[in-house]
Amino acid sequence: MHEYIIEGGHPIQGTVTASGNKNAALPCLTATLLTAEPVILHNIPEIQDTAVMIEILKSLGAKVEKLSKNNWKIQCADINTSQLPRELTKKVRGSIVFAGPLLARTGKCDMMPPGGDVIGRRRVDTHFLALQQLGASIHVNGHFDMTANKLVGADIFLDEASVTATENAVMAATLAEGTTLIQNAASEPHIQDLCNMLNLMGAKISGIGSNVIKIEGVKKLHSCEYTIGPDYIEIGSFIGLAAATKGQITIKGIRPQEIRPLKNHFNKLGISWRIEGDELTVPNTQELKVNPDLGNAIPKIDDMPWPGFPADLTSIMTVVATQVDGTVLIFEKMFESRMFFVDKLISMGAKITLCDPHRAVVSGPSMLHGDHLVSPDIRAGMAMVIAAMCAHGESRISNVYQIERGYEDLVGRLQNLGAKIKSVEVEDVN
């Protein structure tokens, strides 16, 4: 195992290209199960989560070929099992999106509860309710045993706008008999990528990007070649990193329309950028100062389903707010354990009051000092990297596997931006 050693106080400077969207790559990888023909996927980020998903595909019988960096050819001509390997399933939350395509292709899926980030309860009820309406039978007894003699289109109203439940329902419905209507569907860019890829494979999906998705079932899907879009969460993380360290960065390969939901909340912290084509530049000349709401009220940074502010960036914004002049309320509505990492920020010198599991009041700017940190999840881990890069002195971050589940070659890319960060091997005490 390894850890990060970071020397703080060095503003980042330079240019970086956005990686492929992790949350699009995972369902697009599983969607290759819906056809026996080869599928070529470009811009797959080389991170721990995609590596695990590819290993799961191999365990099911898929032939997987790496064409070049970030580019893969996958053919699922012979699926020899519908049982997902336990040790791999528990490593990544995204393994749940094997359920829809396996049911559609084989009529069966047997898997353990998925793993991933420890950020509170992450219910799977919505997945099961949607799949059951399409004709699946599901038994839960320490594992998920799913079967379907035939999938039939249905009018589905999701009980929450779950991203992965929407993806499972869409993939199952592509090969279902008849028409499926999914209301209260999630509409994030990664779902749009999945739907666009499926349409290239011969699916008939409309309403892409809205909360009402219509799928007309087809008998068969075919091969396609598809390029995953940029990871707007990674882009937001780099924006926050540049601002917090008072550096300047140009991020290439963005989709401007996917950055718009980030703008209002970053502006609340006095952070802005300019966009030219597919490049975004955060300057080092801006004043980091909280912009109060009308009546000089304390502003709120809160997450919502797309096109609201992404929940995955609330951890990043919490750290950035420690370097901004003023007071702001961070309100993370979705996960009851996500904000618990702030105790480490407080130990570094941050002025944060944790009101309850979902809300924290941050007053800045704070002078942070180096500390030993342990990453609890992908986004809090990246937030800790930003905190360490702002801090005076040296920090050590453990459990960086969690960070590397979502950020490709983070150490190398940060070093290219001038960060004083290195990865060091340490003895595994477990």
Protein backbone atom coordinates (compact mmCIF):
# COMPACT_ATOMS: atom_id res chain seq x y z
CA MET A 1 0.00 0.00 0.00
CA HIS A 2 1.06 3.60 -0.35
CA GLU A 3 0.43 7.07 1.05
CA TYR A 4 0.76 10.63 -0.16
CA ILE A 5 3.30 13.03 1.31
CA ILE A 6 2.39 16.63 0.50
CA GLU A 7 4.31 19.82 1.23
CA GLY A 8 1.83 22.66 1.32
CA GLY A 9 2.09 26.30 0.35
CA HIS A 10 2.79 25.88 -3.37
CA PRO A 11 0.18 27.35 -5.75
CA ILE A 12 -0.54 25.17 -8.76
CA GLN A 13 0.23 26.51 -12.21
CA GLY A 14 -0.23 25.06 -15.66
CA THR A 15 -2.51 23.08 -17.93
CA VAL A 16 -4.31 19.78 -17.44
CA THR A 17 -6.68 17.75 -19.64
CA ALA A 18 -9.91 16.51 -18.08
CA SER A 19 -10.17 12.76 -17.63
CA GLY A 20 -13.13 10.73 -18.81
CA ASN A 21 -16.19 10.78 -16.60
CA LYS A 22 -15.89 7.94 -14.06
CA ASN A 23 -19.63 7.83 -13.49
CA ALA A 24 -20.24 7.48 -17.24
CA ALA A 25 -17.50 4.92 -17.77
CA LEU A 26 -18.90 2.45 -15.23
CA PRO A 27 -22.40 1.97 -16.75
CA CYS A 28 -21.03 2.19 -20.30
CA LEU A 29 -18.68 -0.69 -19.49
CA THR A 30 -21.57 -2.80 -18.21
CA ALA A 31 -23.70 -1.87 -21.23
CA THR A 32 -21.32 -3.91 -23.41
CA LEU A 33 -23.11 -6.97 -21.95
CA LEU A 34 -26.23 -6.05 -23.95
CA THR A 35 -24.71 -7.24 -27.24
CA ALA A 36 -22.62 -10.17 -28.43
CA GLU A 37 -20.81 -7.87 -30.84
CA PRO A 38 -17.62 -5.94 -30.01
CA VAL A 39 -17.86 -2.45 -28.50
CA ILE A 40 -15.03 0.08 -28.51
CA LEU A 41 -14.95 2.66 -25.72
CA HIS A 42 -12.68 5.70 -25.72
CA ASN A 43 -11.63 8.03 -22.88
CA ILE A 44 -12.14 5.43 -20.13
CA PRO A 45 -10.27 6.85 -17.10
CA GLU A 46 -7.49 4.63 -15.76
CA ILE A 47 -8.64 4.49 -12.16
CA GLN A 48 -9.28 1.78 -9.61
CA ASP A 49 -13.05 1.67 -10.14
CA THR A 50 -12.84 1.09 -13.91
CA ALA A 51 -10.10 -1.52 -13.38
CA VAL A 52 -12.41 -3.45 -11.05
CA MET A 53 -15.36 -3.22 -13.44
CA ILE A 54 -13.21 -4.56 -16.28
CA GLU A 55 -12.11 -7.47 -14.10
CA ILE A 56 -15.77 -8.24 -13.34
CA LEU A 57 -16.53 -8.26 -17.07
CA LYS A 58 -13.69 -10.72 -17.62
CA SER A 59 -15.01 -12.97 -14.83
CA LEU A 60 -18.37 -13.12 -16.64
CA GLY A 61 -16.71 -14.30 -19.85
CA ALA A 62 -16.09 -11.05 -21.71
CA LYS A 63 -13.07 -10.73 -24.00
CA VAL A 64 -11.35 -7.47 -23.11
CA GLU A 65 -8.55 -5.85 -25.10
CA LYS A 66 -6.77 -2.62 -24.22
CA LEU A 67 -6.21 -0.84 -27.52
CA SER A 68 -4.19 2.02 -26.04
CA LYS A 69 -4.26 4.28 -23.01
CA ASN A 70 -7.91 4.95 -22.06
CA ASN A 71 -9.25 2.97 -25.04
CA TRP A 72 -10.78 -0.52 -24.79
CA LYS A 73 -12.42 -3.14 -26.98
CA ILE A 74 -14.92 -5.40 -25.21
CA GLN A 75 -16.85 -8.31 -26.64
CA CYS A 76 -19.41 -10.22 -24.59
CA ALA A 77 -20.16 -13.00 -27.06
CA ASP A 78 -20.10 -15.75 -24.46
CA ILE A 79 -21.41 -14.92 -20.99
CA ASN A 80 -20.71 -18.04 -18.95
CA THR A 81 -22.09 -16.92 -15.59
CA SER A 82 -24.49 -14.39 -14.15
CA GLN A 83 -22.85 -14.44 -10.71
CA LEU A 84 -20.62 -11.49 -9.88
CA PRO A 85 -17.45 -12.30 -7.89
CA ARG A 86 -17.86 -11.23 -4.27
CA GLU A 87 -14.38 -9.83 -3.73
CA LEU A 88 -14.65 -7.55 -6.74
CA THR A 89 -18.26 -6.50 -6.17
CA LYS A 90 -17.54 -5.15 -2.70
CA LYS A 91 -14.75 -2.91 -4.00
CA VAL A 92 -16.91 -0.60 -6.08
CA ARG A 93 -20.38 0.88 -5.66
CA GLY A 94 -20.83 0.93 -9.43
CA SER A 95 -21.02 -2.86 -9.55
CA ILE A 96 -24.77 -2.51 -8.92
CA VAL A 97 -25.22 -1.43 -12.57
CA PHE A 98 -24.43 -4.95 -13.75
CA ALA A 99 -27.95 -5.92 -12.63
CA GLY A 100 -29.92 -4.33 -15.49
CA PRO A 101 -27.80 -5.57 -18.41
CA LEU A 102 -27.32 -9.07 -16.96
CA LEU A 103 -31.08 -9.47 -16.46
CA ALA A 104 -31.71 -8.26 -20.00
CA ARG A 105 -29.04 -10.51 -21.53
CA THR A 106 -29.22 -13.70 -19.40
CA GLY A 107 -32.39 -13.38 -17.31
CA LYS A 108 -30.34 -13.71 -14.12
CA CYS A 109 -28.04 -11.75 -11.84
CA ASP A 110 -26.60 -12.93 -8.53
CA MET A 111 -24.47 -10.47 -6.60
CA MET A 112 -23.43 -9.35 -3.13
CA PRO A 113 -24.36 -5.84 -1.95
CA PRO A 114 -22.00 -3.39 -3.67
CA GLY A 115 -19.14 -1.67 -1.85
CA GLY A 116 -17.53 1.70 -2.49
CA ASP A 117 -17.55 4.90 -0.45
CA VAL A 118 -18.52 4.84 3.22
CA ILE A 119 -20.66 7.99 3.28
CA GLY A 120 -23.82 6.74 4.92
CA ARG A 121 -26.68 4.54 3.84
CA ARG A 122 -26.89 4.10 0.09
CA ARG A 123 -30.21 2.37 -0.53
CA VAL A 124 -30.79 0.03 -3.45
CA ASP A 125 -34.56 -0.15 -3.07
CA THR A 126 -35.14 2.08 -6.11
CA HIS A 127 -33.19 -0.34 -8.33
CA PHE A 128 -35.30 -3.27 -7.23
CA LEU A 129 -38.61 -1.43 -7.53
CA ALA A 130 -37.79 -0.44 -11.11
CA LEU A 131 -36.51 -3.86 -12.16
CA GLN A 132 -39.51 -5.60 -10.56
CA GLN A 133 -41.87 -3.43 -12.57
CA LEU A 134 -40.07 -4.63 -15.71
CA GLY A 135 -40.73 -8.23 -14.68
CA ALA A 136 -37.80 -9.26 -12.48
CA SER A 137 -38.13 -11.34 -9.32
CA ILE A 138 -35.71 -10.38 -6.58
CA HIS A 139 -34.80 -12.26 -3.42
CA VAL A 140 -32.55 -10.72 -0.76
CA ASN A 141 -30.81 -13.11 1.63
CA GLY A 142 -27.34 -11.75 2.31
CA HIS A 143 -27.02 -11.42 -1.46
CA PHE A 144 -29.21 -10.23 -4.32
CA ASP A 145 -30.69 -13.08 -6.36
CA MET A 146 -32.48 -11.66 -9.42
CA THR A 147 -34.28 -13.54 -12.18
CA ALA A 148 -36.51 -12.61 -15.10
CA ASN A 149 -38.15 -15.03 -17.53
CA LYS A 150 -39.10 -12.06 -19.69
CA LEU A 151 -38.73 -8.32 -19.30
CA VAL A 152 -41.74 -6.28 -20.37
CA GLY A 153 -41.93 -2.50 -20.73
CA ALA A 154 -43.63 -0.58 -17.95
CA ASP A 155 -44.60 2.91 -16.80
CA ILE A 156 -42.14 3.46 -13.95
CA PHE A 157 -42.12 6.33 -11.47
CA LEU A 158 -38.89 6.17 -9.47
CA ASP A 159 -39.28 6.89 -5.75
CA GLU A 160 -36.09 8.98 -5.94
CA ALA A 161 -34.07 10.36 -8.84
CA SER A 162 -31.34 7.76 -8.38
CA VAL A 163 -28.56 7.87 -10.97
CA THR A 164 -27.65 4.18 -10.89
CA ALA A 165 -31.27 3.03 -10.60
CA THR A 166 -32.09 5.08 -13.70
CA GLU A 167 -29.13 3.48 -15.50
CA ASN A 168 -30.18 -0.05 -14.50
CA ALA A 169 -33.77 0.56 -15.60
CA VAL A 170 -32.72 2.08 -18.93
CA MET A 171 -30.36 -0.80 -19.75
CA ALA A 172 -32.90 -3.46 -18.80
CA ALA A 173 -35.62 -1.71 -20.79
CA THR A 174 -33.61 -1.55 -24.03
CA LEU A 175 -34.19 -5.28 -24.60
CA ALA A 176 -37.58 -5.47 -22.89
CA GLU A 177 -40.74 -6.20 -24.86
CA GLY A 178 -42.73 -3.02 -25.50
CA THR A 179 -42.28 0.55 -24.32
CA THR A 180 -40.92 1.75 -21.00
CA LEU A 181 -41.47 5.21 -19.55
CA ILE A 182 -39.21 6.23 -16.64
CA GLN A 183 -40.47 9.26 -14.73
CA ASN A 184 -38.52 11.08 -12.02
CA ALA A 185 -35.44 9.77 -13.83
CA ALA A 186 -32.03 11.19 -13.02
CA SER A 187 -30.58 13.23 -15.88
CA GLU A 188 -26.88 13.75 -15.09
CA PRO A 189 -24.33 13.99 -17.95
CA HIS A 190 -23.19 10.41 -17.27
CA ILE A 191 -26.73 9.13 -17.83
CA GLN A 192 -26.86 11.11 -21.05
CA ASP A 193 -23.58 9.46 -22.14
CA LEU A 194 -24.99 6.01 -21.42
CA CYS A 195 -28.22 6.70 -23.34
CA ASN A 196 -26.34 8.15 -26.31
CA MET A 197 -24.08 5.10 -26.41
CA LEU A 198 -27.08 2.74 -26.26
CA ASN A 199 -28.74 4.58 -29.14
CA LEU A 200 -25.57 4.07 -31.20
CA MET A 201 -25.97 0.35 -30.39
CA GLY A 202 -29.49 0.38 -31.83
CA ALA A 203 -31.60 1.25 -28.80
CA LYS A 204 -34.55 3.61 -29.14
CA ILE A 205 -34.27 6.06 -26.25
CA SER A 206 -35.79 9.54 -26.19
CA GLY A 207 -36.05 12.25 -23.56
CA ILE A 208 -32.29 12.12 -22.96
CA GLY A 209 -31.25 14.85 -20.51
CA SER A 210 -34.76 15.18 -19.07
CA ASN A 211 -36.50 13.60 -16.10
CA VAL A 212 -38.81 11.55 -18.35
CA ILE A 213 -37.03 8.91 -20.43
CA LYS A 214 -38.84 6.77 -23.00
CA ILE A 215 -37.38 3.47 -24.17
CA GLU A 216 -38.88 1.44 -26.99
CA GLY A 217 -37.61 -2.09 -26.57
CA VAL A 218 -35.70 -3.74 -29.41
CA LYS A 219 -34.86 -7.40 -30.00
CA LYS A 220 -31.12 -6.93 -30.40
CA LEU A 221 -28.32 -4.40 -29.95
CA HIS A 222 -25.14 -4.25 -32.03
CA SER A 223 -21.57 -2.99 -31.91
CA CYS A 224 -20.62 0.66 -31.59
CA GLU A 225 -17.70 2.97 -30.94
CA TYR A 226 -18.24 5.62 -28.29
CA THR A 227 -16.21 8.31 -26.51
CA ILE A 228 -16.95 9.02 -22.86
CA GLY A 229 -17.34 12.71 -21.95
CA PRO A 230 -15.13 14.65 -19.51
CA ASP A 231 -15.50 14.28 -15.76
CA TYR A 232 -17.13 17.49 -14.55
CA ILE A 233 -16.55 16.45 -10.92
CA GLU A 234 -12.82 16.23 -11.57
CA ILE A 235 -13.01 19.59 -13.35
CA GLY A 236 -14.74 21.11 -10.32
CA SER A 237 -12.08 19.60 -8.07
CA PHE A 238 -9.29 21.22 -10.08
CA ILE A 239 -11.14 24.55 -10.09
CA GLY A 240 -11.33 24.37 -6.29
CA LEU A 241 -7.69 23.35 -6.03
CA ALA A 242 -6.51 26.27 -8.14
CA ALA A 243 -8.59 28.79 -6.19
CA ALA A 244 -7.69 27.45 -2.73
CA THR A 245 -3.94 27.44 -3.47
CA LYS A 246 -4.18 30.85 -5.20
CA GLY A 247 -2.86 29.29 -8.36
CA GLN A 248 -3.85 29.40 -12.01
CA ILE A 249 -4.94 26.48 -14.15
CA THR A 250 -6.25 25.83 -17.64
CA ILE A 251 -8.39 22.71 -17.99
CA LYS A 252 -8.73 21.31 -21.52
CA GLY A 253 -11.44 19.11 -22.93
CA ILE A 254 -14.44 20.43 -21.01
CA ARG A 255 -18.09 20.52 -22.07
CA PRO A 256 -19.14 24.10 -21.25
CA GLN A 257 -22.81 23.19 -20.73
CA GLU A 258 -21.83 20.73 -17.98
CA ILE A 259 -19.95 23.44 -16.06
CA ARG A 260 -22.90 25.84 -15.85
CA PRO A 261 -24.44 24.22 -12.71
CA LEU A 262 -21.11 24.76 -10.92
CA LYS A 263 -20.85 28.48 -11.63
CA ASN A 264 -23.39 29.96 -9.21
CA HIS A 265 -22.04 28.14 -6.18
CA PHE A 266 -18.38 28.82 -6.93
CA ASN A 267 -19.35 32.48 -7.43
CA LYS A 268 -20.66 32.50 -3.85
CA LEU A 269 -17.03 32.02 -2.79
CA GLY A 270 -15.75 34.70 -5.16
CA ILE A 271 -14.43 32.14 -7.64
CA SER A 272 -14.87 32.65 -11.37
CA TRP A 273 -13.30 31.47 -14.60
CA ARG A 274 -13.29 32.11 -18.31
CA ILE A 275 -14.15 29.61 -21.03
CA GLU A 276 -12.84 29.63 -24.58
CA GLY A 277 -14.07 26.72 -26.68
CA ASP A 278 -13.41 23.57 -24.68
CA GLU A 279 -10.86 25.20 -22.36
CA LEU A 280 -11.54 26.67 -18.92
CA THR A 281 -9.05 28.94 -17.13
CA VAL A 282 -9.10 29.83 -13.44
CA PRO A 283 -7.01 33.01 -12.97
CA ASN A 284 -4.83 33.73 -9.93
CA THR A 285 -5.92 37.36 -9.75
CA GLN A 286 -9.34 36.96 -8.12
CA GLU A 287 -10.24 37.92 -4.57
CA LEU A 288 -11.56 34.98 -2.58
CA LYS A 289 -14.40 36.55 -0.65
CA VAL A 290 -17.86 35.23 0.19
CA ASN A 291 -20.62 37.00 -1.72
CA PRO A 292 -23.49 37.31 0.80
CA ASP A 293 -27.11 36.81 -0.12
CA LEU A 294 -29.53 39.76 -0.15
CA GLY A 295 -29.66 41.52 3.21
CA ASN A 296 -26.08 40.43 3.95
CA ALA A 297 -27.34 36.95 4.80
CA ILE A 298 -24.96 34.00 4.97
CA PRO A 299 -25.11 32.15 1.63
CA LYS A 300 -25.74 28.42 1.36
CA ILE A 301 -23.95 25.90 -0.82
CA ASP A 302 -26.26 22.92 -1.16
CA ASP A 303 -26.50 19.96 -3.48
CA MET A 304 -29.44 18.90 -5.63
CA PRO A 305 -30.11 16.42 -8.43
CA TRP A 306 -28.90 17.57 -11.85
CA PRO A 307 -28.92 20.30 -13.01
CA GLY A 308 -28.39 21.37 -9.40
CA PHE A 309 -25.00 21.56 -7.74
CA PRO A 310 -23.41 18.06 -7.59
CA ALA A 311 -23.27 16.30 -4.22
CA ASP A 312 -19.80 15.01 -5.08
CA LEU A 313 -18.41 18.55 -4.93
CA THR A 314 -19.67 19.51 -1.46
CA SER A 315 -16.55 18.06 0.19
CA ILE A 316 -14.37 20.07 -2.19
CA MET A 317 -16.32 23.27 -1.50
CA THR A 318 -15.99 22.76 2.25
CA VAL A 319 -12.19 22.86 2.01
CA VAL A 320 -12.16 25.74 -0.47
CA ALA A 321 -14.39 27.76 1.87
CA THR A 322 -11.71 27.54 4.60
CA GLN A 323 -9.50 29.73 2.37
CA VAL A 324 -12.17 32.31 1.56
CA ASP A 325 -12.89 35.51 3.50
CA GLY A 326 -16.35 35.20 5.04
CA THR A 327 -18.86 32.66 6.31
CA VAL A 328 -20.85 30.11 4.33
CA LEU A 329 -23.20 27.22 5.14
CA ILE A 330 -22.47 23.88 3.45
CA PHE A 331 -25.62 21.75 3.29
CA GLU A 332 -25.05 18.19 2.01
CA LYS A 333 -28.51 16.64 1.81
CA MET A 334 -27.88 13.20 0.38
CA PHE A 335 -25.45 11.28 2.60
CA GLU A 336 -25.48 11.40 6.39
CA SER A 337 -21.78 10.55 6.85
CA ARG A 338 -20.17 12.61 4.10
CA MET A 339 -19.48 15.67 6.28
CA PHE A 340 -17.81 13.77 9.11
CA PHE A 341 -14.38 14.26 7.52
CA VAL A 342 -14.42 17.89 8.66
CA ASP A 343 -13.04 16.89 12.07
CA LYS A 344 -9.66 16.45 10.35
CA LEU A 345 -9.95 19.89 8.78
CA ILE A 346 -10.67 21.30 12.22
CA SER A 347 -7.56 19.58 13.57
CA MET A 348 -5.62 21.33 10.78
CA GLY A 349 -6.88 24.72 11.98
CA ALA A 350 -10.07 25.21 9.99
CA LYS A 351 -12.87 27.22 11.60
CA ILE A 352 -15.82 24.88 11.01
CA THR A 353 -18.90 24.20 13.09
CA LEU A 354 -20.52 20.87 12.27
CA CYS A 355 -24.18 21.55 12.99
CA ASP A 356 -25.44 18.01 12.28
CA PRO A 357 -24.56 15.17 9.88
CA HIS A 358 -25.63 17.27 6.89
CA ARG A 359 -24.66 20.88 7.66
CA ALA A 360 -21.44 22.69 8.43
CA VAL A 361 -20.74 26.41 8.87
CA VAL A 362 -17.33 27.40 7.53
CA SER A 363 -15.64 30.72 8.38
CA GLY A 364 -12.44 31.77 6.67
CA PRO A 365 -9.79 32.34 5.78
CA SER A 366 -8.04 29.85 8.07
CA MET A 367 -4.33 29.12 8.25
CA LEU A 368 -4.11 25.35 7.97
CA HIS A 369 -1.15 23.30 9.16
CA GLY A 370 0.04 19.88 8.04
CA ASP A 371 -1.37 16.74 9.63
CA HIS A 372 -1.81 12.99 9.18
CA LEU A 373 -5.09 12.42 7.34
CA VAL A 374 -7.02 9.28 6.38
CA SER A 375 -9.20 9.36 3.27
CA PRO A 376 -12.71 8.01 3.98
CA ASP A 377 -14.03 8.26 0.41
CA ILE A 378 -13.13 9.52 -3.04
CA ARG A 379 -14.30 13.14 -2.72
CA ALA A 380 -13.33 13.71 0.92
CA GLY A 381 -9.95 12.24 0.00
CA MET A 382 -9.51 14.79 -2.80
CA ALA A 383 -10.66 17.51 -0.41
CA MET A 384 -7.92 16.42 1.98
CA VAL A 385 -5.37 16.68 -0.82
CA ILE A 386 -6.50 20.27 -1.44
CA ALA A 387 -6.31 21.04 2.30
CA ALA A 388 -2.80 19.60 2.49
CA MET A 389 -1.71 21.69 -0.50
CA CYS A 390 -3.01 24.84 1.22
CA ALA A 391 -1.46 23.99 4.59
CA HIS A 392 1.82 25.13 6.10
CA GLY A 393 4.19 22.21 6.53
CA GLU A 394 3.92 18.59 5.52
CA SER A 395 0.87 16.33 5.49
CA ARG A 396 0.55 12.58 5.10
CA ILE A 397 -2.61 11.04 3.63
CA SER A 398 -3.39 7.34 4.15
CA ASN A 399 -5.97 5.08 2.49
CA VAL A 400 -5.31 6.81 -0.84
CA TYR A 401 -6.81 3.80 -2.64
CA GLN A 402 -10.11 5.58 -2.05
CA ILE A 403 -8.87 8.70 -3.87
CA GLU A 404 -7.42 6.72 -6.76
CA ARG A 405 -10.79 5.05 -7.30
CA GLY A 406 -11.89 8.32 -8.90
CA TYR A 407 -8.88 10.40 -9.99
CA GLU A 408 -6.57 9.23 -12.75
CA ASP A 409 -2.80 9.56 -12.15
CA LEU A 410 -3.46 12.23 -9.54
CA VAL A 411 0.09 12.41 -8.21
CA GLY A 412 1.68 12.71 -11.65
CA ARG A 413 -0.77 15.32 -12.87
CA LEU A 414 -0.42 17.42 -9.71
CA GLN A 415 3.36 17.22 -9.93
CA ASN A 416 3.12 18.57 -13.48
CA LEU A 417 1.18 21.51 -12.04
CA GLY A 418 3.94 22.27 -9.54
CA ALA A 419 2.53 20.51 -6.48
CA LYS A 420 5.00 19.08 -3.96
CA ILE A 421 3.39 15.67 -3.68
CA LYS A 422 4.81 12.16 -3.79
CA SER A 423 3.51 8.65 -3.33
CA VAL A 424 5.46 6.50 -0.88
CA GLU A 425 5.19 2.81 -0.09
CA VAL A 426 4.29 1.92 3.49
CA GLU A 427 3.88 -1.38 5.29
CA ASP A 428 0.37 -2.77 5.39
CA VAL A 429 -0.37 -3.36 9.09
CA ASN A 430 -3.58 -5.34 8.41
